[in-house]
C-alpha atoms as a PDB file:
ATOM      1  CA  MET A   1      -8.001 155.862  25.336  1.00  0.00           C
ATOM      2  CA  THR A   2     -10.607 156.429  22.721  1.00  0.00           C
ATOM      3  CA  GLY A   3     -10.987 158.986  20.084  1.00  0.00           C
ATOM      4  CA  ARG A   4     -12.886 162.154  20.498  1.00  0.00           C
ATOM      5  CA  ALA A   5     -14.863 164.410  18.177  1.00  0.00           C
ATOM      6  CA  GLY A   6     -12.835 167.413  19.305  1.00  0.00           C
ATOM      7  CA  PRO A   7     -10.911 168.697  22.484  1.00  0.00           C
ATOM      8  CA  SER A   8     -12.963 169.360  25.487  1.00  0.00           C
ATOM      9  CA  TYR A   9     -12.114 172.482  27.436  1.00  0.00           C
ATOM     10  CA  SER A  10     -14.768 171.923  30.192  1.00  0.00           C
ATOM     11  CA  ALA A  11     -12.131 170.641  32.721  1.00  0.00           C
ATOM     12  CA  ARG A  12      -9.895 173.764  32.291  1.00  0.00           C
ATOM     13  CA  VAL A  13      -8.664 175.245  35.523  1.00  0.00           C
ATOM     14  CA  PRO A  14      -6.791 178.569  35.708  1.00  0.00           C
ATOM     15  CA  ILE A  15      -3.061 178.453  35.490  1.00  0.00           C
ATOM     16  CA  PRO A  16      -0.754 180.899  37.216  1.00  0.00           C
ATOM     17  CA  LEU A  17       0.105 184.096  35.418  1.00  0.00           C
ATOM     18  CA  GLU A  18       3.856 183.157  35.433  1.00  0.00           C
ATOM     19  CA  LEU A  19       3.159 179.939  33.839  1.00  0.00           C
ATOM     20  CA  LYS A  20       0.913 181.537  31.179  1.00  0.00           C
ATOM     21  CA  GLN A  21       3.663 183.901  30.457  1.00  0.00           C
ATOM     22  CA  LYS A  22       5.996 180.889  29.671  1.00  0.00           C
ATOM     23  CA  GLU A  23       3.347 179.476  27.373  1.00  0.00           C
ATOM     24  CA  THR A  24       3.246 182.735  25.466  1.00  0.00           C
ATOM     25  CA  ASP A  25       6.998 182.987  25.310  1.00  0.00           C
ATOM     26  CA  LEU A  26       7.170 179.333  24.069  1.00  0.00           C
ATOM     27  CA  GLU A  27       4.781 180.053  21.209  1.00  0.00           C
ATOM     28  CA  ASP A  28       6.768 183.299  20.408  1.00  0.00           C
ATOM     29  CA  ARG A  29       9.959 181.370  20.229  1.00  0.00           C
ATOM     30  CA  LEU A  30       8.366 178.780  18.025  1.00  0.00           C
ATOM     31  CA  ARG A  31       6.875 181.308  15.663  1.00  0.00           C
ATOM     32  CA  ALA A  32      10.302 182.946  15.443  1.00  0.00           C
ATOM     33  CA  ALA A  33      12.027 179.619  14.461  1.00  0.00           C
ATOM     34  CA  GLY A  34      10.076 179.245  11.101  1.00  0.00           C
ATOM     35  CA  ARG A  35       8.730 176.084   9.913  1.00  0.00           C
ATOM     36  CA  ILE A  36       9.323 173.317  12.348  1.00  0.00           C
ATOM     37  CA  LEU A  37       9.525 169.534  12.670  1.00  0.00           C
ATOM     38  CA  VAL A  38       8.578 168.242  15.985  1.00  0.00           C
ATOM     39  CA  ALA A  39       9.994 164.911  17.259  1.00  0.00           C
ATOM     40  CA  PHE A  40       6.688 163.413  18.490  1.00  0.00           C
ATOM     41  CA  SER A  41       6.534 160.217  20.444  1.00  0.00           C
ATOM     42  CA  GLY A  42       2.990 160.576  21.759  1.00  0.00           C
ATOM     43  CA  GLY A  43       4.166 161.217  25.380  1.00  0.00           C
ATOM     44  CA  VAL A  44       3.345 164.129  27.676  1.00  0.00           C
ATOM     45  CA  ASP A  45       6.110 166.361  26.518  1.00  0.00           C
ATOM     46  CA  SER A  46       6.238 165.950  22.896  1.00  0.00           C
ATOM     47  CA  SER A  47       2.304 166.063  22.611  1.00  0.00           C
ATOM     48  CA  TYR A  48       2.392 169.427  24.261  1.00  0.00           C
ATOM     49  CA  LEU A  49       5.151 170.727  22.111  1.00  0.00           C
ATOM     50  CA  ALA A  50       3.272 169.531  19.035  1.00  0.00           C
ATOM     51  CA  LEU A  51       0.134 171.366  20.128  1.00  0.00           C
ATOM     52  CA  ALA A  52       2.149 174.512  20.841  1.00  0.00           C
ATOM     53  CA  ALA A  53       3.777 174.475  17.449  1.00  0.00           C
ATOM     54  CA  LYS A  54       0.472 174.021  15.839  1.00  0.00           C
ATOM     55  CA  ARG A  55      -0.853 176.990  17.665  1.00  0.00           C
ATOM     56  CA  ALA A  56       2.053 179.086  16.889  1.00  0.00           C
ATOM     57  CA  LEU A  57       2.708 178.040  13.282  1.00  0.00           C
ATOM     58  CA  GLY A  58      -0.478 176.288  11.919  1.00  0.00           C
ATOM     59  CA  ASP A  59       0.611 174.270   8.899  1.00  0.00           C
ATOM     60  CA  GLY A  60       4.174 175.521   9.247  1.00  0.00           C
ATOM     61  CA  ALA A  61       4.538 172.769  12.038  1.00  0.00           C
ATOM     62  CA  LEU A  62       4.721 169.001  11.291  1.00  0.00           C
ATOM     63  CA  ALA A  63       4.873 166.332  14.155  1.00  0.00           C
ATOM     64  CA  VAL A  64       6.932 163.425  13.137  1.00  0.00           C
ATOM     65  CA  THR A  65       6.630 160.017  14.886  1.00  0.00           C
ATOM     66  CA  ALA A  66       9.502 157.468  14.460  1.00  0.00           C
ATOM     67  CA  VAL A  67       8.429 153.934  13.706  1.00  0.00           C
ATOM     68  CA  SER A  68      11.066 151.179  15.191  1.00  0.00           C
ATOM     69  CA  PRO A  69      11.099 148.303  17.428  1.00  0.00           C
ATOM     70  CA  SER A  70      12.205 150.608  20.232  1.00  0.00           C
ATOM     71  CA  TYR A  71       8.872 152.243  20.642  1.00  0.00           C
ATOM     72  CA  PRO A  72       5.682 150.381  21.581  1.00  0.00           C
ATOM     73  CA  GLU A  73       2.521 150.392  19.642  1.00  0.00           C
ATOM     74  CA  SER A  74       0.680 152.036  22.568  1.00  0.00           C
ATOM     75  CA  HIS A  75       2.687 155.063  22.014  1.00  0.00           C
ATOM     76  CA  ARG A  76       1.623 155.187  18.473  1.00  0.00           C
ATOM     77  CA  LYS A  77      -2.057 154.914  19.409  1.00  0.00           C
ATOM     78  CA  VAL A  78      -1.757 158.002  21.705  1.00  0.00           C
ATOM     79  CA  ALA A  79       0.017 159.889  19.022  1.00  0.00           C
ATOM     80  CA  ASP A  80      -2.764 159.063  16.572  1.00  0.00           C
ATOM     81  CA  GLU A  81      -5.407 160.224  19.050  1.00  0.00           C
ATOM     82  CA  VAL A  82      -3.667 163.617  19.797  1.00  0.00           C
ATOM     83  CA  VAL A  83      -3.110 164.420  16.252  1.00  0.00           C
ATOM     84  CA  ALA A  84      -6.619 163.477  15.158  1.00  0.00           C
ATOM     85  CA  THR A  85      -8.292 165.365  18.128  1.00  0.00           C
ATOM     86  CA  PHE A  86      -6.327 168.457  17.597  1.00  0.00           C
ATOM     87  CA  ASP A  87      -5.877 168.452  13.892  1.00  0.00           C
ATOM     88  CA  ILE A  88      -2.070 168.435  14.021  1.00  0.00           C
ATOM     89  CA  SER A  89      -0.186 167.856  10.767  1.00  0.00           C
ATOM     90  CA  HIS A  90       1.574 164.444  11.300  1.00  0.00           C
ATOM     91  CA  ARG A  91       3.826 162.046   9.637  1.00  0.00           C
ATOM     92  CA  TYR A  92       5.252 158.653  10.387  1.00  0.00           C
ATOM     93  CA  VAL A  93       8.911 157.969   9.567  1.00  0.00           C
ATOM     94  CA  ASP A  94      11.005 154.864   9.928  1.00  0.00           C
ATOM     95  CA  THR A  95      14.119 154.892  11.966  1.00  0.00           C
ATOM     96  CA  HIS A  96      16.941 152.325  11.888  1.00  0.00           C
ATOM     97  CA  GLU A  97      18.806 152.573  15.223  1.00  0.00           C
ATOM     98  CA  MET A  98      18.764 148.743  15.238  1.00  0.00           C
ATOM     99  CA  ASP A  99      21.222 148.761  12.347  1.00  0.00           C
ATOM    100  CA  ARG A 100      23.702 150.568  14.403  1.00  0.00           C
ATOM    101  CA  ASP A 101      26.246 148.469  16.283  1.00  0.00           C
ATOM    102  CA  ASP A 102      26.782 151.102  18.896  1.00  0.00           C
ATOM    103  CA  TYR A 103      23.062 151.133  19.629  1.00  0.00           C
ATOM    104  CA  ARG A 104      22.649 147.408  19.951  1.00  0.00           C
ATOM    105  CA  ALA A 105      25.729 147.012  22.169  1.00  0.00           C
ATOM    106  CA  ASN A 106      23.598 149.059  24.926  1.00  0.00           C
ATOM    107  CA  ARG A 107      26.470 150.828  26.661  1.00  0.00           C
ATOM    108  CA  PRO A 108      25.501 153.709  28.803  1.00  0.00           C
ATOM    109  CA  ASP A 109      25.714 156.068  25.849  1.00  0.00           C
ATOM    110  CA  ARG A 110      22.982 153.937  23.940  1.00  0.00           C
ATOM    111  CA  CYS A 111      20.629 156.823  23.792  1.00  0.00           C
ATOM    112  CA  TYR A 112      23.126 159.069  22.161  1.00  0.00           C
ATOM    113  CA  PHE A 113      23.067 156.669  19.045  1.00  0.00           C
ATOM    114  CA  CYS A 114      19.306 156.355  19.099  1.00  0.00           C
ATOM    115  CA  LYS A 115      18.918 160.149  19.148  1.00  0.00           C
ATOM    116  CA  THR A 116      21.587 160.488  16.466  1.00  0.00           C
ATOM    117  CA  GLU A 117      19.594 158.195  14.198  1.00  0.00           C
ATOM    118  CA  LEU A 118      16.423 160.156  14.886  1.00  0.00           C
ATOM    119  CA  PHE A 119      17.826 163.660  14.439  1.00  0.00           C
ATOM    120  CA  GLU A 120      19.731 162.585  11.223  1.00  0.00           C
ATOM    121  CA  VAL A 121      16.324 161.344   9.785  1.00  0.00           C
ATOM    122  CA  LEU A 122      14.538 164.403  10.765  1.00  0.00           C
ATOM    123  CA  GLY A 123      17.334 166.636   9.650  1.00  0.00           C
ATOM    124  CA  ARG A 124      17.145 165.088   6.136  1.00  0.00           C
ATOM    125  CA  MET A 125      13.328 165.717   6.167  1.00  0.00           C
ATOM    126  CA  ARG A 126      13.927 169.300   7.324  1.00  0.00           C
ATOM    127  CA  ASP A 127      16.309 169.906   4.338  1.00  0.00           C
ATOM    128  CA  GLU A 128      14.273 168.019   1.592  1.00  0.00           C
ATOM    129  CA  ASP A 129      10.880 169.356   2.643  1.00  0.00           C
ATOM    130  CA  GLY A 130      11.911 173.089   3.178  1.00  0.00           C
ATOM    131  CA  PHE A 131      11.575 173.266   6.924  1.00  0.00           C
ATOM    132  CA  ASP A 132      13.748 175.606   9.026  1.00  0.00           C
ATOM    133  CA  ALA A 133      14.282 173.709  12.273  1.00  0.00           C
ATOM    134  CA  VAL A 134      13.782 170.471  14.299  1.00  0.00           C
ATOM    135  CA  ALA A 135      12.548 170.603  17.867  1.00  0.00           C
ATOM    136  CA  TYR A 136      12.131 168.156  20.678  1.00  0.00           C
ATOM    137  CA  GLY A 137      10.400 168.078  24.050  1.00  0.00           C
ATOM    138  CA  VAL A 138      13.306 167.961  26.766  1.00  0.00           C
ATOM    139  CA  ASN A 139      12.252 169.852  29.894  1.00  0.00           C
ATOM    140  CA  THR A 140      14.167 171.125  32.918  1.00  0.00           C
ATOM    141  CA  ASP A 141      13.493 168.085  34.921  1.00  0.00           C
ATOM    142  CA  ASP A 142      15.418 165.940  32.317  1.00  0.00           C
ATOM    143  CA  LEU A 143      18.550 167.787  33.176  1.00  0.00           C
ATOM    144  CA  GLY A 144      18.790 165.960  36.496  1.00  0.00           C
ATOM    145  CA  ASP A 145      19.551 162.491  35.125  1.00  0.00           C
ATOM    146  CA  PHE A 146      22.203 160.989  32.856  1.00  0.00           C
ATOM    147  CA  ARG A 147      20.731 161.545  29.320  1.00  0.00           C
ATOM    148  CA  PRO A 148      23.368 161.261  26.471  1.00  0.00           C
ATOM    149  CA  GLY A 149      20.603 161.949  24.030  1.00  0.00           C
ATOM    150  CA  HIS A 150      20.870 165.757  24.881  1.00  0.00           C
ATOM    151  CA  ARG A 151      24.429 165.566  23.308  1.00  0.00           C
ATOM    152  CA  ALA A 152      23.132 164.276  19.974  1.00  0.00           C
ATOM    153  CA  ALA A 153      20.436 167.049  20.006  1.00  0.00           C
ATOM    154  CA  ASP A 154      23.171 169.815  20.490  1.00  0.00           C
ATOM    155  CA  GLU A 155      25.294 168.296  17.677  1.00  0.00           C
ATOM    156  CA  HIS A 156      22.543 168.376  15.274  1.00  0.00           C
ATOM    157  CA  GLY A 157      21.271 171.769  16.175  1.00  0.00           C
ATOM    158  CA  VAL A 158      17.899 170.596  17.477  1.00  0.00           C
ATOM    159  CA  LEU A 159      15.877 173.194  19.344  1.00  0.00           C
ATOM    160  CA  SER A 160      14.852 172.621  22.865  1.00  0.00           C
ATOM    161  CA  PRO A 161      12.050 175.182  23.423  1.00  0.00           C
ATOM    162  CA  PHE A 162      10.929 173.931  26.849  1.00  0.00           C
ATOM    163  CA  LEU A 163      14.523 174.563  28.138  1.00  0.00           C
ATOM    164  CA  ASP A 164      14.627 178.023  26.543  1.00  0.00           C
ATOM    165  CA  VAL A 165      11.530 179.104  28.558  1.00  0.00           C
ATOM    166  CA  GLY A 166      12.223 177.003  31.617  1.00  0.00           C
ATOM    167  CA  LEU A 167       9.242 174.771  31.616  1.00  0.00           C
ATOM    168  CA  SER A 168       9.284 171.744  34.171  1.00  0.00           C
ATOM    169  CA  LYS A 169       7.415 168.341  33.653  1.00  0.00           C
ATOM    170  CA  GLU A 170       4.598 169.451  36.137  1.00  0.00           C
ATOM    171  CA  GLU A 171       4.313 172.632  34.252  1.00  0.00           C
ATOM    172  CA  ILE A 172       3.835 170.981  30.980  1.00  0.00           C
ATOM    173  CA  ARG A 173       1.270 168.531  32.547  1.00  0.00           C
ATOM    174  CA  ALA A 174      -0.568 171.719  33.938  1.00  0.00           C
ATOM    175  CA  LEU A 175      -0.524 173.388  30.383  1.00  0.00           C
ATOM    176  CA  SER A 176      -1.528 170.112  28.839  1.00  0.00           C
ATOM    177  CA  ARG A 177      -4.507 169.635  31.172  1.00  0.00           C
ATOM    178  CA  GLU A 178      -5.571 173.308  30.531  1.00  0.00           C
ATOM    179  CA  ALA A 179      -5.544 172.611  26.796  1.00  0.00           C
ATOM    180  CA  GLY A 180      -7.464 169.521  27.198  1.00  0.00           C
ATOM    181  CA  LEU A 181      -4.838 167.149  25.959  1.00  0.00           C
ATOM    182  CA  PRO A 182      -5.322 163.463  26.794  1.00  0.00           C
ATOM    183  CA  THR A 183      -1.705 163.031  27.581  1.00  0.00           C
ATOM    184  CA  ALA A 184      -1.672 165.367  30.680  1.00  0.00           C
ATOM    185  CA  ASP A 185      -1.714 162.696  33.215  1.00  0.00           C
ATOM    186  CA  LEU A 186      -0.009 159.930  31.387  1.00  0.00           C
ATOM    187  CA  PRO A 187       2.645 158.110  33.364  1.00  0.00           C
ATOM    188  CA  ALA A 188       6.253 158.778  32.376  1.00  0.00           C
ATOM    189  CA  SER A 189       7.270 156.845  29.319  1.00  0.00           C
ATOM    190  CA  ALA A 190      10.706 156.004  27.586  1.00  0.00           C
ATOM    191  CA  CYS A 191      11.779 153.795  24.744  1.00  0.00           C
ATOM    192  CA  LEU A 192      11.690 150.053  25.366  1.00  0.00           C
ATOM    193  CA  ALA A 193      15.510 149.651  25.229  1.00  0.00           C
ATOM    194  CA  SER A 194      15.636 151.520  28.523  1.00  0.00           C
ATOM    195  CA  ARG A 195      14.433 148.447  30.211  1.00  0.00           C
ATOM    196  CA  LEU A 196      17.627 146.357  29.208  1.00  0.00           C
ATOM    197  CA  PRO A 197      20.577 146.723  31.696  1.00  0.00           C
ATOM    198  CA  TYR A 198      23.593 148.202  30.140  1.00  0.00           C
ATOM    199  CA  GLY A 199      25.517 145.519  28.312  1.00  0.00           C
ATOM    200  CA  THR A 200      22.547 143.449  27.525  1.00  0.00           C
ATOM    201  CA  LYS A 201      22.338 143.441  23.663  1.00  0.00           C
ATOM    202  CA  VAL A 202      19.485 145.147  22.285  1.00  0.00           C
ATOM    203  CA  THR A 203      17.409 142.833  20.022  1.00  0.00           C
ATOM    204  CA  PRO A 204      13.891 143.059  18.689  1.00  0.00           C
ATOM    205  CA  GLU A 205      12.894 139.823  20.426  1.00  0.00           C
ATOM    206  CA  ARG A 206      13.800 141.276  23.908  1.00  0.00           C
ATOM    207  CA  LEU A 207      12.105 144.581  23.178  1.00  0.00           C
ATOM    208  CA  LYS A 208       8.889 142.657  22.167  1.00  0.00           C
ATOM    209  CA  GLN A 209       9.188 140.722  25.439  1.00  0.00           C
ATOM    210  CA  VAL A 210       9.139 143.973  27.461  1.00  0.00           C
ATOM    211  CA  GLU A 211       6.436 145.596  25.401  1.00  0.00           C
ATOM    212  CA  GLU A 212       4.115 142.540  25.749  1.00  0.00           C
ATOM    213  CA  GLY A 213       5.018 142.057  29.566  1.00  0.00           C
ATOM    214  CA  GLU A 214       4.143 145.757  30.311  1.00  0.00           C
ATOM    215  CA  GLU A 215       0.922 145.523  28.528  1.00  0.00           C
ATOM    216  CA  ARG A 216      -0.015 142.463  30.443  1.00  0.00           C
ATOM    217  CA  LEU A 217       0.739 144.227  33.741  1.00  0.00           C
ATOM    218  CA  ARG A 218      -1.355 147.317  32.693  1.00  0.00           C
ATOM    219  CA  ALA A 219      -4.213 144.818  31.880  1.00  0.00           C
ATOM    220  CA  LEU A 220      -3.892 143.664  35.638  1.00  0.00           C
ATOM    221  CA  GLY A 221      -4.614 147.308  36.485  1.00  0.00           C
ATOM    222  CA  PHE A 222      -1.242 148.751  37.212  1.00  0.00           C
ATOM    223  CA  ARG A 223      -0.591 152.137  35.909  1.00  0.00           C
ATOM    224  CA  GLN A 224       2.993 153.327  36.579  1.00  0.00           C
ATOM    225  CA  LEU A 225       5.466 150.579  35.885  1.00  0.00           C
ATOM    226  CA  ARG A 226       8.549 149.122  34.234  1.00  0.00           C
ATOM    227  CA  LEU A 227       9.562 145.683  33.257  1.00  0.00           C
ATOM    228  CA  ARG A 228      13.359 145.371  33.533  1.00  0.00           C
ATOM    229  CA  HIS A 229      14.698 142.472  31.324  1.00  0.00           C
ATOM    230  CA  HIS A 230      17.427 140.604  33.135  1.00  0.00           C
ATOM    231  CA  GLY A 231      17.805 137.667  30.681  1.00  0.00           C
ATOM    232  CA  LEU A 232      15.614 134.865  32.427  1.00  0.00           C
ATOM    233  CA  VAL A 233      14.556 137.288  35.264  1.00  0.00           C
ATOM    234  CA  ALA A 234      11.769 139.843  34.776  1.00  0.00           C
ATOM    235  CA  ARG A 235      12.129 142.453  37.486  1.00  0.00           C
ATOM    236  CA  VAL A 236       8.898 144.387  37.890  1.00  0.00           C
ATOM    237  CA  GLU A 237       9.083 147.987  39.171  1.00  0.00           C
ATOM    238  CA  ILE A 238       5.667 149.254  40.305  1.00  0.00           C
ATOM    239  CA  ASP A 239       4.798 152.644  41.680  1.00  0.00           C
ATOM    240  CA  PRO A 240       5.142 152.502  45.489  1.00  0.00           C
ATOM    241  CA  ALA A 241       1.469 153.496  45.952  1.00  0.00           C
ATOM    242  CA  GLU A 242       0.682 150.361  43.919  1.00  0.00           C
ATOM    243  CA  LEU A 243       3.011 147.999  45.686  1.00  0.00           C
ATOM    244  CA  PRO A 244       0.579 146.756  48.429  1.00  0.00           C
ATOM    245  CA  ARG A 245      -1.702 145.405  45.620  1.00  0.00           C
ATOM    246  CA  ALA A 246       1.134 143.739  43.748  1.00  0.00           C
ATOM    247  CA  LEU A 247       2.379 142.076  47.068  1.00  0.00           C
ATOM    248  CA  ASP A 248      -1.156 140.489  47.595  1.00  0.00           C
ATOM    249  CA  PRO A 249      -0.508 136.675  47.226  1.00  0.00           C
ATOM    250  CA  GLU A 250      -3.248 136.344  44.499  1.00  0.00           C
ATOM    251  CA  MET A 251      -2.134 139.394  42.548  1.00  0.00           C
ATOM    252  CA  ALA A 252       1.523 138.010  42.838  1.00  0.00           C
ATOM    253  CA  ARG A 253       0.371 134.821  41.131  1.00  0.00           C
ATOM    254  CA  ALA A 254      -1.287 136.621  38.413  1.00  0.00           C
ATOM    255  CA  ILE A 255       1.704 138.687  37.682  1.00  0.00           C
ATOM    256  CA  VAL A 256       3.946 135.512  37.465  1.00  0.00           C
ATOM    257  CA  ALA A 257       1.163 133.651  35.270  1.00  0.00           C
ATOM    258  CA  ALA A 258       1.228 136.810  32.897  1.00  0.00           C
ATOM    259  CA  LEU A 259       4.914 137.107  32.393  1.00  0.00           C
ATOM    260  CA  LYS A 260       6.374 133.542  32.365  1.00  0.00           C
ATOM    261  CA  PRO A 261       4.684 132.572  29.215  1.00  0.00           C
ATOM    262  CA  LEU A 262       6.912 135.265  27.495  1.00  0.00           C
ATOM    263  CA  GLY A 263       9.976 133.252  28.256  1.00  0.00           C
ATOM    264  CA  PHE A 264      10.926 134.457  31.637  1.00  0.00           C
ATOM    265  CA  ARG A 265      11.884 131.873  34.087  1.00  0.00           C
ATOM    266  CA  PHE A 266      11.924 133.928  37.143  1.00  0.00           C
ATOM    267  CA  VAL A 267       9.706 136.993  38.104  1.00  0.00           C
ATOM    268  CA  SER A 268      10.647 139.352  40.769  1.00  0.00           C
ATOM    269  CA  LEU A 269       9.121 142.416  42.260  1.00  0.00           C
ATOM    270  CA  ASP A 270      11.467 145.310  43.165  1.00  0.00           C
ATOM    271  CA  LEU A 271      10.717 146.564  46.646  1.00  0.00           C
ATOM    272  CA  GLU A 272      12.004 149.846  45.947  1.00  0.00           C
ATOM    273  CA  GLY A 273       9.204 150.333  43.446  1.00  0.00           C
ATOM    274  CA  TYR A 274       9.265 152.302  40.186  1.00  0.00           C
ATOM    275  CA  ARG A 275      11.728 155.155  39.713  1.00  0.00           C
ATOM    276  CA  THR A 276      13.031 157.061  36.725  1.00  0.00           C
ATOM    277  CA  GLY A 277      16.580 156.207  35.661  1.00  0.00           C
ATOM    278  CA  ALA A 278      16.904 152.936  37.833  1.00  0.00           C
ATOM    279  CA  LEU A 279      19.367 151.312  35.430  1.00  0.00           C
ATOM    280  CA  ASN A 280      21.570 154.372  35.806  1.00  0.00           C
ATOM    281  CA  GLU A 281      22.003 153.564  39.476  1.00  0.00           C
ATOM    282  CA  VAL A 282      24.930 151.279  38.624  1.00  0.00           C
ATOM    283  CA  LEU A 283      26.856 153.983  36.764  1.00  0.00           C
ATOM    284  CA  PRO A 284      29.659 155.893  38.458  1.00  0.00           C
ATOM    285  CA  ALA A 285      28.801 159.322  39.637  1.00  0.00           C
ATOM    286  CA  SER A 286      31.405 160.804  37.236  1.00  0.00           C
ATOM    287  CA  ILE A 287      29.295 159.370  34.355  1.00  0.00           C
ATOM    288  CA  ARG A 288      25.885 160.381  35.592  1.00  0.00           C
ATOM    289  CA  SER A 289      26.758 163.922  36.464  1.00  0.00           C
END
């Protein structure tokens, strides 16, 4: 993506009245909450939340982006574009989840410790800088998967405005599109540690392997993908619609050539393709529910 002089509204299409009402309700709730810090990763959900907070509160809203080995540089580039294009107040802040033994151990509740670190940092900012609340962009679709980070949000009193008004991922995409956000049609994203199977220790080196590998796969023209790190094996998940291209012998050789120099001895292609929460498939149903 490249920077823009300002948001373009030429591609706006009408949205249903019911969705427009949800948008109004969202901004009303944000306005009523007072001065807000928005946890802003540069993804689809947090970008729209940052814009909605800007509309509702003006300078009373601040988008805050965490900097750590868990989040790829590409996310920060998108975040920079969004805040520059829409004149959103923004700040970077360091988080140190890598210093937490429970995070590095990478058990199924890893996300809880990551979000605990984030919300503790934002909570201190809220108190020190005179803000009233912290908000993050969880949506109704997120409730259908195992996401222990929600527990950390509840424990720290973090607002979930999309849940309050019942906004789904597709509705957030539609509102983002209508607003001219460059993130409207971005593929789903998650922190880099989500590529490591549970029990595989989280290290900066492994996260860097994943980040560089996914960038190389995107350079080959793939859009929706994950590189799952299984030690010496790189398991590549690609959107089912893109699998035929990945299975072409010449492209398969290009994928191998791109990933092996990163330290992987074997490269495999998951024939089920990309799906969210793939690493949660090994968890017992009692944990996922």
